[in-house]
Protein backbone atom coordinates (compact mmCIF):
# COMPACT_ATOMS: atom_id res chain seq x y z
CA MET A 1 61.84 60.07 -108.51
CA ARG A 2 59.58 63.05 -109.21
CA TRP A 3 56.85 60.76 -110.52
CA GLU A 4 56.94 58.74 -107.34
CA GLU A 5 56.89 61.82 -105.23
CA GLU A 6 53.91 63.28 -107.12
CA VAL A 7 52.05 59.92 -106.76
CA GLN A 8 52.68 59.98 -102.99
CA LEU A 9 51.46 63.58 -102.81
CA VAL A 10 48.30 62.85 -104.67
CA GLN A 11 47.54 59.75 -102.58
CA GLU A 12 48.01 61.79 -99.41
CA GLU A 13 45.77 64.52 -100.69
CA MET A 14 43.13 61.91 -101.54
CA ARG A 15 43.40 60.52 -98.01
CA ARG A 16 43.09 64.06 -96.51
CA VAL A 17 40.03 64.84 -98.60
CA LEU A 18 38.22 61.75 -97.34
CA ALA A 19 39.20 62.50 -93.76
CA PHE A 20 38.10 66.09 -94.12
CA LEU A 21 34.75 65.17 -95.46
CA LEU A 22 34.17 62.75 -92.57
CA TRP A 23 35.24 65.50 -90.08
CA GLN A 24 32.97 67.89 -91.78
CA ALA A 25 30.06 65.56 -91.60
CA GLN A 26 30.63 64.96 -87.87
CA TRP A 27 30.86 68.76 -87.37
CA TRP A 28 27.48 69.30 -89.06
CA THR A 29 26.04 66.49 -87.04
CA GLU A 30 27.12 68.20 -83.81
CA ARG A 31 25.55 71.53 -85.12
CA ARG A 32 22.12 69.92 -85.06
CA THR A 33 22.00 70.38 -81.27
CA ALA A 34 24.29 73.38 -80.94
CA ASN A 35 21.66 75.99 -81.60
CA SER A 36 19.20 76.67 -78.83
CA THR A 37 16.46 79.00 -79.96
CA THR A 38 13.08 79.72 -78.51
CA SER A 39 11.20 78.87 -81.68
CA SER A 40 10.72 75.12 -82.31
CA ASP A 41 10.20 75.94 -86.01
CA GLN A 42 13.65 77.45 -86.16
CA MET A 43 15.12 74.60 -84.31
CA GLU A 44 13.48 72.14 -86.69
CA GLY A 45 15.00 74.14 -89.60
CA TYR A 46 18.47 74.12 -87.96
CA VAL A 47 18.28 70.38 -87.51
CA ALA A 48 17.05 69.72 -90.97
CA TYR A 49 19.77 71.91 -92.53
CA ALA A 50 22.62 70.49 -90.46
CA SER A 51 21.39 66.96 -91.17
CA ARG A 52 21.24 67.59 -94.93
CA GLN A 53 24.78 69.08 -94.87
CA ALA A 54 26.14 66.11 -92.96
CA ALA A 55 24.43 63.65 -95.32
CA LEU A 56 25.87 65.44 -98.36
CA ARG A 57 29.43 65.20 -96.90
CA ILE A 58 29.00 61.51 -96.29
CA LYS A 59 27.67 60.96 -99.80
CA MET A 60 30.63 62.90 -101.26
CA ARG A 61 33.06 60.90 -99.29
CA ASP A 62 31.45 57.63 -100.24
CA ARG A 63 31.47 58.61 -103.94
CA LEU A 64 35.17 59.64 -103.80
CA PHE A 65 36.12 56.44 -101.98
CA VAL A 66 34.56 54.38 -104.65
CA THR A 67 36.04 56.52 -107.51
CA TRP A 68 39.55 56.44 -106.02
CA ARG A 69 39.72 52.89 -104.63
CA HIS A 70 41.76 51.51 -107.55
CA VAL A 71 44.17 54.41 -107.95
CA GLU A 72 46.99 52.67 -106.03
CA GLU A 73 46.61 49.45 -108.22
CA TYR A 74 46.60 51.71 -111.31
CA VAL A 75 49.79 53.42 -110.26
CA VAL A 76 51.51 50.11 -109.34
CA ARG A 77 50.72 48.86 -112.87
CA GLY A 78 52.45 51.98 -114.28
CA GLY A 79 49.33 53.47 -115.75
CA ASP A 80 48.18 50.34 -117.60
CA THR A 81 44.41 50.08 -117.93
CA LEU A 82 42.63 47.99 -115.35
CA ASP A 83 40.56 44.92 -116.29
CA ASN A 84 36.99 45.44 -117.34
CA GLU A 85 35.93 43.19 -114.47
CA VAL A 86 37.19 45.80 -112.06
CA PHE A 87 35.07 48.43 -113.56
CA GLU A 88 32.00 46.14 -113.71
CA GLU A 89 32.45 45.43 -110.00
CA ASP A 90 32.71 49.12 -109.29
CA GLN A 91 29.52 49.84 -111.25
CA GLU A 92 27.68 47.19 -109.22
CA PHE A 93 29.13 48.57 -105.98
CA GLU A 94 28.09 52.11 -106.83
CA GLU A 95 24.57 50.96 -107.70
CA GLU A 96 24.30 49.34 -104.20
CA LEU A 97 25.58 52.50 -102.57
CA PHE A 98 23.75 55.11 -104.45
């Protein structure tokens, strides 16, 4: 029972991390227009910084999504290794994303 509870907790934490990174990316996106300064150079800097931070959060979320997408299948199998085909598909998928 403790094993099942730990698995549920880890899966919930994984879900929350993905949701948090998405929220953070949206927050940074909103910050691009939140600052109103008199200098256009400063504004350009704020926009660039916020855009970069949002892009980093999205990239982190995408990477974790790919990394964690077979965790549930792995747990259901009781920790048995997954087929090589699964990992080859993942590698191809990652190459397309990144």
